[in-house]
């Protein structure tokens, strides 16, 4: 039970940080992504999607590892970090270059 609570706490913390970044960031330097962009993970398709929040248009789809779990961007908006969970069997971190829209 304690492990579940710790895991849930970590998930909530990462999600809160992601939401804070989305709503409080002044700009995202990714090109051609808009100044503000939404980073979303598709667990089924194993991709990071960059979405223009004003039009909801998909700007880019970038392949990530199996079972992506969370995503967060650097404060300068140039890099995204995707945790790869793999049902608990993987402990990986994918680094995504948001400027060139590809894995680093």
PDB file of N, CA and C in Angstrom:
ATOM      1  N   UNK A   1       0.822  -1.188   0.000  1.00  0.00           N
ATOM      2  CA  UNK A   1       0.000   0.000   0.000  1.00  0.00           C
ATOM      3  C   UNK A   1       0.867   1.253   0.000  1.00  0.00           C
ATOM      4  N   UNK A   2       1.950   1.214   0.779  1.00  0.00           N
ATOM      5  CA  UNK A   2       2.830   2.370   0.845  1.00  0.00           C
ATOM      6  C   UNK A   2       3.468   2.635  -0.513  1.00  0.00           C
ATOM      7  N   UNK A   3       3.863   1.570  -1.237  1.00  0.00           N
ATOM      8  CA  UNK A   3       4.469   1.729  -2.558  1.00  0.00           C
ATOM      9  C   UNK A   3       3.479   2.378  -3.514  1.00  0.00           C
ATOM     10  N   UNK A   4       2.219   1.940  -3.457  1.00  0.00           N
ATOM     11  CA  UNK A   4       1.197   2.525  -4.310  1.00  0.00           C
ATOM     12  C   UNK A   4       1.019   4.008  -4.012  1.00  0.00           C
ATOM     13  N   UNK A   5       0.995   4.378  -2.739  1.00  0.00           N
ATOM     14  CA  UNK A   5       0.843   5.784  -2.360  1.00  0.00           C
ATOM     15  C   UNK A   5       2.035   6.606  -2.835  1.00  0.00           C
ATOM     16  N   UNK A   6       3.238   6.053  -2.712  1.00  0.00           N
ATOM     17  CA  UNK A   6       4.426   6.768  -3.192  1.00  0.00           C
ATOM     18  C   UNK A   6       4.372   6.952  -4.700  1.00  0.00           C
ATOM     19  N   UNK A   7       3.968   5.891  -5.412  1.00  0.00           N
ATOM     20  CA  UNK A   7       3.885   5.964  -6.871  1.00  0.00           C
ATOM     21  C   UNK A   7       2.833   6.989  -7.285  1.00  0.00           C
ATOM     22  N   UNK A   8       1.679   6.948  -6.631  1.00  0.00           N
ATOM     23  CA  UNK A   8       0.617   7.896  -6.935  1.00  0.00           C
ATOM     24  C   UNK A   8       1.066   9.324  -6.659  1.00  0.00           C
ATOM     25  N   UNK A   9       1.780   9.519  -5.571  1.00  0.00           N
ATOM     26  CA  UNK A   9       2.294  10.840  -5.229  1.00  0.00           C
ATOM     27  C   UNK A   9       3.268  11.336  -6.300  1.00  0.00           C
ATOM     28  N   UNK A  10       4.121  10.462  -6.788  1.00  0.00           N
ATOM     29  CA  UNK A  10       5.079  10.843  -7.834  1.00  0.00           C
ATOM     30  C   UNK A  10       4.346  11.215  -9.122  1.00  0.00           C
ATOM     31  N   UNK A  11       3.344  10.433  -9.495  1.00  0.00           N
ATOM     32  CA  UNK A  11       2.580  10.710 -10.712  1.00  0.00           C
ATOM     33  C   UNK A  11       1.881  12.063 -10.597  1.00  0.00           C
ATOM     34  N   UNK A  12       1.257  12.316  -9.457  1.00  0.00           N
ATOM     35  CA  UNK A  12       0.562  13.582  -9.265  1.00  0.00           C
ATOM     36  C   UNK A  12       1.529  14.767  -9.296  1.00  0.00           C
ATOM     37  N   UNK A  13       2.715  14.584  -8.722  1.00  0.00           N
ATOM     38  CA  UNK A  13       3.723  15.653  -8.733  1.00  0.00           C
ATOM     39  C   UNK A  13       4.170  15.969 -10.153  1.00  0.00           C
ATOM     40  N   UNK A  14       4.477  14.937 -10.936  1.00  0.00           N
ATOM     41  CA  UNK A  14       4.924  15.147 -12.321  1.00  0.00           C
ATOM     42  C   UNK A  14       3.815  15.802 -13.135  1.00  0.00           C
ATOM     43  N   UNK A  15       2.579  15.327 -12.965  1.00  0.00           N
ATOM     44  CA  UNK A  15       1.469  15.924 -13.707  1.00  0.00           C
ATOM     45  C   UNK A  15       1.249  17.381 -13.312  1.00  0.00           C
ATOM     46  N   UNK A  16       1.391  17.694 -12.031  1.00  0.00           N
ATOM     47  CA  UNK A  16       1.247  19.082 -11.585  1.00  0.00           C
ATOM     48  C   UNK A  16       2.331  19.957 -12.203  1.00  0.00           C
ATOM     49  N   UNK A  17       3.551  19.449 -12.256  1.00  0.00           N
ATOM     50  CA  UNK A  17       4.644  20.208 -12.876  1.00  0.00           C
ATOM     51  C   UNK A  17       4.386  20.424 -14.361  1.00  0.00           C
ATOM     52  N   UNK A  18       3.885  19.395 -15.032  1.00  0.00           N
ATOM     53  CA  UNK A  18       3.572  19.520 -16.452  1.00  0.00           C
ATOM     54  C   UNK A  18       2.495  20.575 -16.677  1.00  0.00           C
ATOM     55  N   UNK A  19       1.441  20.533 -15.889  1.00  0.00           N
ATOM     56  CA  UNK A  19       0.380  21.531 -16.027  1.00  0.00           C
ATOM     57  C   UNK A  19       0.901  22.937 -15.739  1.00  0.00           C
ATOM     58  N   UNK A  20       1.740  23.063 -14.722  1.00  0.00           N
ATOM     59  CA  UNK A  20       2.316  24.375 -14.409  1.00  0.00           C
ATOM     60  C   UNK A  20       3.142  24.882 -15.582  1.00  0.00           C
ATOM     61  N   UNK A  21       3.914  23.996 -16.199  1.00  0.00           N
ATOM     62  CA  UNK A  21       4.712  24.404 -17.353  1.00  0.00           C
ATOM     63  C   UNK A  21       3.823  24.870 -18.496  1.00  0.00           C
ATOM     64  N   UNK A  22       2.784  24.121 -18.773  1.00  0.00           N
ATOM     65  CA  UNK A  22       1.905  24.456 -19.898  1.00  0.00           C
ATOM     66  C   UNK A  22       1.254  25.818 -19.691  1.00  0.00           C
ATOM     67  N   UNK A  23       0.760  26.068 -18.493  1.00  0.00           N
ATOM     68  CA  UNK A  23       0.011  27.297 -18.259  1.00  0.00           C
ATOM     69  C   UNK A  23       0.883  28.499 -17.907  1.00  0.00           C
ATOM     70  N   UNK A  24       2.076  28.273 -17.386  1.00  0.00           N
ATOM     71  CA  UNK A  24       2.886  29.394 -16.929  1.00  0.00           C
ATOM     72  C   UNK A  24       4.074  29.732 -17.819  1.00  0.00           C
ATOM     73  N   UNK A  25       4.395  28.847 -18.758  1.00  0.00           N
ATOM     74  CA  UNK A  25       5.556  29.120 -19.593  1.00  0.00           C
ATOM     75  C   UNK A  25       5.284  30.302 -20.514  1.00  0.00           C
ATOM     76  N   UNK A  26       6.303  31.082 -20.745  1.00  0.00           N
ATOM     77  CA  UNK A  26       6.131  32.248 -21.596  1.00  0.00           C
ATOM     78  C   UNK A  26       6.287  31.912 -23.062  1.00  0.00           C
ATOM     79  N   UNK A  27       7.148  30.929 -23.350  1.00  0.00           N
ATOM     80  CA  UNK A  27       7.308  30.550 -24.746  1.00  0.00           C
ATOM     81  C   UNK A  27       7.962  29.192 -24.850  1.00  0.00           C
ATOM     82  N   UNK A  28       7.737  28.577 -25.975  1.00  0.00           N
ATOM     83  CA  UNK A  28       8.386  27.313 -26.311  1.00  0.00           C
ATOM     84  C   UNK A  28       9.141  27.591 -27.603  1.00  0.00           C
ATOM     85  N   UNK A  29      10.431  27.387 -27.617  1.00  0.00           N
ATOM     86  CA  UNK A  29      11.256  27.769 -28.747  1.00  0.00           C
ATOM     87  C   UNK A  29      11.252  26.750 -29.882  1.00  0.00           C
ATOM     88  N   UNK A  30      10.479  25.680 -29.767  1.00  0.00           N
ATOM     89  CA  UNK A  30      10.431  24.664 -30.816  1.00  0.00           C
ATOM     90  C   UNK A  30       9.917  25.297 -32.098  1.00  0.00           C
ATOM     91  N   UNK A  31      10.529  24.922 -33.220  1.00  0.00           N
ATOM     92  CA  UNK A  31      10.103  25.440 -34.508  1.00  0.00           C
ATOM     93  C   UNK A  31       9.717  24.259 -35.363  1.00  0.00           C
ATOM     94  N   UNK A  32       8.665  24.233 -36.066  1.00  0.00           N
ATOM     95  CA  UNK A  32       7.689  25.277 -36.288  1.00  0.00           C
ATOM     96  C   UNK A  32       6.540  25.273 -35.288  1.00  0.00           C
ATOM     97  N   UNK A  33       6.729  24.659 -34.161  1.00  0.00           N
ATOM     98  CA  UNK A  33       5.666  24.640 -33.152  1.00  0.00           C
ATOM     99  C   UNK A  33       5.323  26.067 -32.729  1.00  0.00           C
ATOM    100  N   UNK A  34       4.104  26.283 -32.277  1.00  0.00           N
ATOM    101  CA  UNK A  34       3.712  27.621 -31.838  1.00  0.00           C
ATOM    102  C   UNK A  34       4.466  28.020 -30.576  1.00  0.00           C
ATOM    103  N   UNK A  35       4.382  29.321 -30.195  1.00  0.00           N
ATOM    104  CA  UNK A  35       5.081  29.793 -29.001  1.00  0.00           C
ATOM    105  C   UNK A  35       4.691  28.986 -27.781  1.00  0.00           C
ATOM    106  N   UNK A  36       3.432  28.657 -27.647  1.00  0.00           N
ATOM    107  CA  UNK A  36       2.967  27.788 -26.568  1.00  0.00           C
ATOM    108  C   UNK A  36       2.512  26.501 -27.215  1.00  0.00           C
ATOM    109  N   UNK A  37       2.940  25.389 -26.655  1.00  0.00           N
ATOM    110  CA  UNK A  37       2.592  24.103 -27.239  1.00  0.00           C
ATOM    111  C   UNK A  37       2.238  23.121 -26.140  1.00  0.00           C
ATOM    112  N   UNK A  38       1.365  22.219 -26.479  1.00  0.00           N
ATOM    113  CA  UNK A  38       0.964  21.162 -25.573  1.00  0.00           C
ATOM    114  C   UNK A  38       1.731  19.910 -25.967  1.00  0.00           C
ATOM    115  N   UNK A  39       2.380  19.283 -24.992  1.00  0.00           N
ATOM    116  CA  UNK A  39       3.077  18.023 -25.224  1.00  0.00           C
ATOM    117  C   UNK A  39       2.211  16.909 -24.671  1.00  0.00           C
ATOM    118  N   UNK A  40       1.857  15.963 -25.522  1.00  0.00           N
ATOM    119  CA  UNK A  40       0.990  14.865 -25.102  1.00  0.00           C
ATOM    120  C   UNK A  40       1.605  13.538 -25.529  1.00  0.00           C
ATOM    121  N   UNK A  41       1.416  12.524 -24.693  1.00  0.00           N
ATOM    122  CA  UNK A  41       1.927  11.193 -25.001  1.00  0.00           C
ATOM    123  C   UNK A  41       0.792  10.290 -25.455  1.00  0.00           C
ATOM    124  N   UNK A  42       1.079   9.470 -26.455  1.00  0.00           N
ATOM    125  CA  UNK A  42       0.170   8.404 -26.843  1.00  0.00           C
ATOM    126  C   UNK A  42       0.828   7.105 -26.416  1.00  0.00           C
ATOM    127  N   UNK A  43       0.289   6.507 -25.360  1.00  0.00           N
ATOM    128  CA  UNK A  43       0.856   5.255 -24.857  1.00  0.00           C
ATOM    129  C   UNK A  43       0.689   4.132 -25.874  1.00  0.00           C
ATOM    130  N   UNK A  44      -0.443   4.113 -26.577  1.00  0.00           N
ATOM    131  CA  UNK A  44      -0.708   3.046 -27.541  1.00  0.00           C
ATOM    132  C   UNK A  44       0.175   3.120 -28.772  1.00  0.00           C
ATOM    133  N   UNK A  45       0.447   4.346 -29.232  1.00  0.00           N
ATOM    134  CA  UNK A  45       1.244   4.534 -30.441  1.00  0.00           C
ATOM    135  C   UNK A  45       2.714   4.809 -30.150  1.00  0.00           C
ATOM    136  N   UNK A  46       3.068   4.981 -28.863  1.00  0.00           N
ATOM    137  CA  UNK A  46       4.448   5.231 -28.436  1.00  0.00           C
ATOM    138  C   UNK A  46       5.027   6.486 -29.088  1.00  0.00           C
ATOM    139  N   UNK A  47       4.259   7.581 -29.043  1.00  0.00           N
ATOM    140  CA  UNK A  47       4.718   8.835 -29.636  1.00  0.00           C
ATOM    141  C   UNK A  47       4.466  10.006 -28.698  1.00  0.00           C
ATOM    142  N   UNK A  48       5.303  11.021 -28.846  1.00  0.00           N
ATOM    143  CA  UNK A  48       5.102  12.324 -28.230  1.00  0.00           C
ATOM    144  C   UNK A  48       4.493  13.201 -29.314  1.00  0.00           C
ATOM    145  N   UNK A  49       3.386  13.857 -28.998  1.00  0.00           N
ATOM    146  CA  UNK A  49       2.700  14.698 -29.965  1.00  0.00           C
ATOM    147  C   UNK A  49       2.800  16.145 -29.502  1.00  0.00           C
ATOM    148  N   UNK A  50       3.193  17.028 -30.419  1.00  0.00           N
ATOM    149  CA  UNK A  50       3.224  18.462 -30.148  1.00  0.00           C
ATOM    150  C   UNK A  50       1.969  19.050 -30.774  1.00  0.00           C
ATOM    151  N   UNK A  51       1.148  19.705 -29.938  1.00  0.00           N
ATOM    152  CA  UNK A  51      -0.146  20.218 -30.368  1.00  0.00           C
ATOM    153  C   UNK A  51      -0.188  21.725 -30.157  1.00  0.00           C
ATOM    154  N   UNK A  52      -0.726  22.436 -31.150  1.00  0.00           N
ATOM    155  CA  UNK A  52      -0.991  23.866 -31.001  1.00  0.00           C
ATOM    156  C   UNK A  52      -2.265  23.989 -30.173  1.00  0.00           C
ATOM    157  N   UNK A  53      -2.188  24.546 -28.948  1.00  0.00           N
ATOM    158  CA  UNK A  53      -3.372  24.587 -28.091  1.00  0.00           C
ATOM    159  C   UNK A  53      -4.472  25.519 -28.603  1.00  0.00           C
ATOM    160  N   UNK A  54      -4.133  26.457 -29.450  1.00  0.00           N
ATOM    161  CA  UNK A  54      -5.144  27.385 -29.964  1.00  0.00           C
ATOM    162  C   UNK A  54      -6.007  26.727 -31.040  1.00  0.00           C
ATOM    163  N   UNK A  55      -5.380  25.912 -31.896  1.00  0.00           N
ATOM    164  CA  UNK A  55      -6.110  25.300 -33.013  1.00  0.00           C
ATOM    165  C   UNK A  55      -6.329  23.804 -32.810  1.00  0.00           C
ATOM    166  N   UNK A  56      -5.644  23.225 -31.817  1.00  0.00           N
ATOM    167  CA  UNK A  56      -5.648  21.780 -31.561  1.00  0.00           C
ATOM    168  C   UNK A  56      -5.082  20.981 -32.734  1.00  0.00           C
ATOM    169  N   UNK A  57      -4.297  21.647 -33.570  1.00  0.00           N
ATOM    170  CA  UNK A  57      -3.665  20.995 -34.716  1.00  0.00           C
ATOM    171  C   UNK A  57      -2.385  20.296 -34.250  1.00  0.00           C
ATOM    172  N   UNK A  58      -2.182  19.067 -34.715  1.00  0.00           N
ATOM    173  CA  UNK A  58      -0.958  18.331 -34.417  1.00  0.00           C
ATOM    174  C   UNK A  58       0.179  18.931 -35.230  1.00  0.00           C
ATOM    175  N   UNK A  59       1.224  19.392 -34.537  1.00  0.00           N
ATOM    176  CA  UNK A  59       2.359  20.014 -35.209  1.00  0.00           C
ATOM    177  C   UNK A  59       3.462  18.996 -35.514  1.00  0.00           C
ATOM    178  N   UNK A  60       3.603  17.988 -34.653  1.00  0.00           N
ATOM    179  CA  UNK A  60       4.643  16.970 -34.861  1.00  0.00           C
ATOM    180  C   UNK A  60       4.297  15.724 -34.058  1.00  0.00           C
ATOM    181  N   UNK A  61       4.786  14.577 -34.540  1.00  0.00           N
ATOM    182  CA  UNK A  61       4.671  13.294 -33.846  1.00  0.00           C
ATOM    183  C   UNK A  61       6.073  12.706 -33.800  1.00  0.00           C
ATOM    184  N   UNK A  62       6.568  12.427 -32.598  1.00  0.00           N
ATOM    185  CA  UNK A  62       7.938  11.959 -32.414  1.00  0.00           C
ATOM    186  C   UNK A  62       7.897  10.621 -31.688  1.00  0.00           C
ATOM    187  N   UNK A  63       8.523   9.607 -32.262  1.00  0.00           N
ATOM    188  CA  UNK A  63       8.547   8.278 -31.662  1.00  0.00           C
ATOM    189  C   UNK A  63       9.315   8.300 -30.349  1.00  0.00           C
ATOM    190  N   UNK A  64       8.749   7.596 -29.353  1.00  0.00           N
ATOM    191  CA  UNK A  64       9.407   7.412 -28.058  1.00  0.00           C
ATOM    192  C   UNK A  64       9.370   5.923 -27.733  1.00  0.00           C
ATOM    193  N   UNK A  65       9.944   5.544 -26.618  1.00  0.00           N
ATOM    194  CA  UNK A  65      10.037   4.139 -26.247  1.00  0.00           C
ATOM    195  C   UNK A  65       8.711   3.521 -25.859  1.00  0.00           C
ATOM    196  N   UNK A  66       8.769   2.224 -25.604  1.00  0.00           N
ATOM    197  CA  UNK A  66       7.595   1.451 -25.229  1.00  0.00           C
ATOM    198  C   UNK A  66       7.051   1.889 -23.867  1.00  0.00           C
ATOM    199  N   UNK A  67       5.747   2.075 -23.792  1.00  0.00           N
ATOM    200  CA  UNK A  67       5.023   2.446 -22.575  1.00  0.00           C
ATOM    201  C   UNK A  67       5.500   3.777 -21.984  1.00  0.00           C
ATOM    202  N   UNK A  68       5.402   4.871 -22.767  1.00  0.00           N
ATOM    203  CA  UNK A  68       5.747   6.179 -22.211  1.00  0.00           C
ATOM    204  C   UNK A  68       4.776   6.525 -21.088  1.00  0.00           C
ATOM    205  N   UNK A  69       5.279   7.196 -20.062  1.00  0.00           N
ATOM    206  CA  UNK A  69       4.444   7.410 -18.882  1.00  0.00           C
ATOM    207  C   UNK A  69       4.211   8.886 -18.576  1.00  0.00           C
ATOM    208  N   UNK A  70       5.254   9.691 -18.544  1.00  0.00           N
ATOM    209  CA  UNK A  70       5.121  11.127 -18.293  1.00  0.00           C
ATOM    210  C   UNK A  70       6.029  11.893 -19.242  1.00  0.00           C
ATOM    211  N   UNK A  71       5.702  13.172 -19.447  1.00  0.00           N
ATOM    212  CA  UNK A  71       6.548  14.053 -20.244  1.00  0.00           C
ATOM    213  C   UNK A  71       6.623  15.403 -19.544  1.00  0.00           C
ATOM    214  N   UNK A  72       7.798  16.003 -19.619  1.00  0.00           N
ATOM    215  CA  UNK A  72       7.988  17.362 -19.108  1.00  0.00           C
ATOM    216  C   UNK A  72       9.027  18.041 -20.004  1.00  0.00           C
ATOM    217  N   UNK A  73       8.888  19.335 -20.169  1.00  0.00           N
ATOM    218  CA  UNK A  73       9.813  20.098 -21.009  1.00  0.00           C
ATOM    219  C   UNK A  73      10.776  20.882 -20.135  1.00  0.00           C
ATOM    220  N   UNK A  74      11.943  21.153 -20.691  1.00  0.00           N
ATOM    221  CA  UNK A  74      12.913  21.998 -20.002  1.00  0.00           C
ATOM    222  C   UNK A  74      12.376  23.423 -19.934  1.00  0.00           C
ATOM    223  N   UNK A  75      12.922  24.220 -19.035  1.00  0.00           N
ATOM    224  CA  UNK A  75      12.424  25.585 -18.852  1.00  0.00           C
ATOM    225  C   UNK A  75      12.630  26.468 -20.081  1.00  0.00           C
ATOM    226  N   UNK A  76      13.613  26.127 -20.918  1.00  0.00           N
ATOM    227  CA  UNK A  76      13.828  26.913 -22.136  1.00  0.00           C
ATOM    228  C   UNK A  76      12.986  26.418 -23.310  1.00  0.00           C
ATOM    229  N   UNK A  77      12.244  25.316 -23.123  1.00  0.00           N
ATOM    230  CA  UNK A  77      11.370  24.803 -24.166  1.00  0.00           C
ATOM    231  C   UNK A  77      12.073  24.097 -25.302  1.00  0.00           C
ATOM    232  N   UNK A  78      13.351  23.804 -25.155  1.00  0.00           N
ATOM    233  CA  UNK A  78      14.109  23.178 -26.240  1.00  0.00           C
ATOM    234  C   UNK A  78      14.163  21.654 -26.142  1.00  0.00           C
ATOM    235  N   UNK A  79      13.911  21.122 -24.955  1.00  0.00           N
ATOM    236  CA  UNK A  79      14.075  19.694 -24.722  1.00  0.00           C
ATOM    237  C   UNK A  79      12.886  19.155 -23.939  1.00  0.00           C
ATOM    238  N   UNK A  80      12.457  17.952 -24.302  1.00  0.00           N
ATOM    239  CA  UNK A  80      11.420  17.258 -23.531  1.00  0.00           C
ATOM    240  C   UNK A  80      12.025  15.969 -22.988  1.00  0.00           C
ATOM    241  N   UNK A  81      11.537  15.567 -21.827  1.00  0.00           N
ATOM    242  CA  UNK A  81      11.999  14.335 -21.194  1.00  0.00           C
ATOM    243  C   UNK A  81      10.787  13.431 -21.007  1.00  0.00           C
ATOM    244  N   UNK A  82      10.885  12.212 -21.545  1.00  0.00           N
ATOM    245  CA  UNK A  82       9.789  11.248 -21.474  1.00  0.00           C
ATOM    246  C   UNK A  82      10.253  10.046 -20.674  1.00  0.00           C
ATOM    247  N   UNK A  83       9.520   9.742 -19.593  1.00  0.00           N
ATOM    248  CA  UNK A  83       9.860   8.551 -18.817  1.00  0.00           C
ATOM    249  C   UNK A  83       9.232   7.335 -19.492  1.00  0.00           C
ATOM    250  N   UNK A  84      10.028   6.276 -19.596  1.00  0.00           N
ATOM    251  CA  UNK A  84       9.583   5.025 -20.193  1.00  0.00           C
ATOM    252  C   UNK A  84       9.438   4.025 -19.057  1.00  0.00           C
ATOM    253  N   UNK A  85       8.208   3.638 -18.794  1.00  0.00           N
ATOM    254  CA  UNK A  85       7.884   2.833 -17.621  1.00  0.00           C
ATOM    255  C   UNK A  85       7.898   1.338 -17.925  1.00  0.00           C
ATOM    256  N   UNK A  86       7.328   0.931 -19.043  1.00  0.00           N
ATOM    257  CA  UNK A  86       7.326  -0.479 -19.429  1.00  0.00           C
ATOM    258  C   UNK A  86       6.674  -1.375 -18.406  1.00  0.00           C
ATOM    259  N   UNK A  87       5.587  -0.925 -17.790  1.00  0.00           N
ATOM    260  CA  UNK A  87       4.910  -1.730 -16.789  1.00  0.00           C
ATOM    261  C   UNK A  87       5.774  -1.993 -15.565  1.00  0.00           C
ATOM    262  N   UNK A  88       6.750  -1.152 -15.342  1.00  0.00           N
ATOM    263  CA  UNK A  88       7.636  -1.301 -14.192  1.00  0.00           C
ATOM    264  C   UNK A  88       8.926  -2.029 -14.514  1.00  0.00           C
ATOM    265  N   UNK A  89       9.035  -2.584 -15.733  1.00  0.00           N
ATOM    266  CA  UNK A  89      10.248  -3.332 -16.072  1.00  0.00           C
ATOM    267  C   UNK A  89      11.337  -2.449 -16.681  1.00  0.00           C
ATOM    268  N   UNK A  90      10.964  -1.283 -17.206  1.00  0.00           N
ATOM    269  CA  UNK A  90      11.946  -0.356 -17.771  1.00  0.00           C
ATOM    270  C   UNK A  90      12.133   0.814 -16.809  1.00  0.00           C
ATOM    271  N   UNK A  91      13.282   1.379 -16.848  1.00  0.00           N
ATOM    272  CA  UNK A  91      13.547   2.600 -16.093  1.00  0.00           C
ATOM    273  C   UNK A  91      14.402   3.481 -17.000  1.00  0.00           C
ATOM    274  N   UNK A  92      13.771   4.010 -18.027  1.00  0.00           N
ATOM    275  CA  UNK A  92      14.477   4.778 -19.041  1.00  0.00           C
ATOM    276  C   UNK A  92      13.931   6.194 -19.106  1.00  0.00           C
ATOM    277  N   UNK A  93      14.737   7.073 -19.653  1.00  0.00           N
ATOM    278  CA  UNK A  93      14.337   8.448 -19.872  1.00  0.00           C
ATOM    279  C   UNK A  93      14.725   8.805 -21.299  1.00  0.00           C
ATOM    280  N   UNK A  94      13.739   9.094 -22.135  1.00  0.00           N
ATOM    281  CA  UNK A  94      14.011   9.521 -23.505  1.00  0.00           C
ATOM    282  C   UNK A  94      14.135  11.039 -23.520  1.00  0.00           C
ATOM    283  N   UNK A  95      15.151  11.528 -24.201  1.00  0.00           N
ATOM    284  CA  UNK A  95      15.376  12.965 -24.340  1.00  0.00           C
ATOM    285  C   UNK A  95      15.000  13.339 -25.770  1.00  0.00           C
ATOM    286  N   UNK A  96      14.110  14.313 -25.894  1.00  0.00           N
ATOM    287  CA  UNK A  96      13.601  14.726 -27.205  1.00  0.00           C
ATOM    288  C   UNK A  96      14.042  16.160 -27.491  1.00  0.00           C
ATOM    289  N   UNK A  97      14.633  16.348 -28.656  1.00  0.00           N
ATOM    290  CA  UNK A  97      15.022  17.677 -29.136  1.00  0.00           C
ATOM    291  C   UNK A  97      13.780  18.317 -29.752  1.00  0.00           C
ATOM    292  N   UNK A  98      13.190  19.294 -29.068  1.00  0.00           N
ATOM    293  CA  UNK A  98      11.969  19.918 -29.558  1.00  0.00           C
ATOM    294  C   UNK A  98      12.221  20.882 -30.720  1.00  0.00           C
ATOM    295  N   UNK A  99      13.421  21.396 -30.830  1.00  0.00           N
ATOM    296  CA  UNK A  99      13.743  22.300 -31.940  1.00  0.00           C
ATOM    297  C   UNK A  99      13.732  21.536 -33.262  1.00  0.00           C
ATOM    298  N   UNK A 100      14.461  20.405 -33.280  1.00  0.00           N
ATOM    299  CA  UNK A 100      14.534  19.591 -34.502  1.00  0.00           C
ATOM    300  C   UNK A 100      13.464  18.504 -34.530  1.00  0.00           C
ATOM    301  N   UNK A 101      12.689  18.416 -33.471  1.00  0.00           N
ATOM    302  CA  UNK A 101      11.580  17.482 -33.346  1.00  0.00           C
ATOM    303  C   UNK A 101      11.992  16.045 -33.644  1.00  0.00           C
ATOM    304  N   UNK A 102      13.007  15.584 -32.866  1.00  0.00           N
ATOM    305  CA  UNK A 102      13.484  14.212 -32.991  1.00  0.00           C
ATOM    306  C   UNK A 102      14.164  13.807 -31.684  1.00  0.00           C
ATOM    307  N   UNK A 103      14.335  12.501 -31.477  1.00  0.00           N
ATOM    308  CA  UNK A 103      15.061  12.053 -30.281  1.00  0.00           C
ATOM    309  C   UNK A 103      16.485  12.591 -30.277  1.00  0.00           C
ATOM    310  N   UNK A 104      16.983  12.948 -29.117  1.00  0.00           N
ATOM    311  CA  UNK A 104      18.370  13.448 -29.008  1.00  0.00           C
ATOM    312  C   UNK A 104      19.355  12.303 -28.976  1.00  0.00           C
TER     313      UNK A 104
END
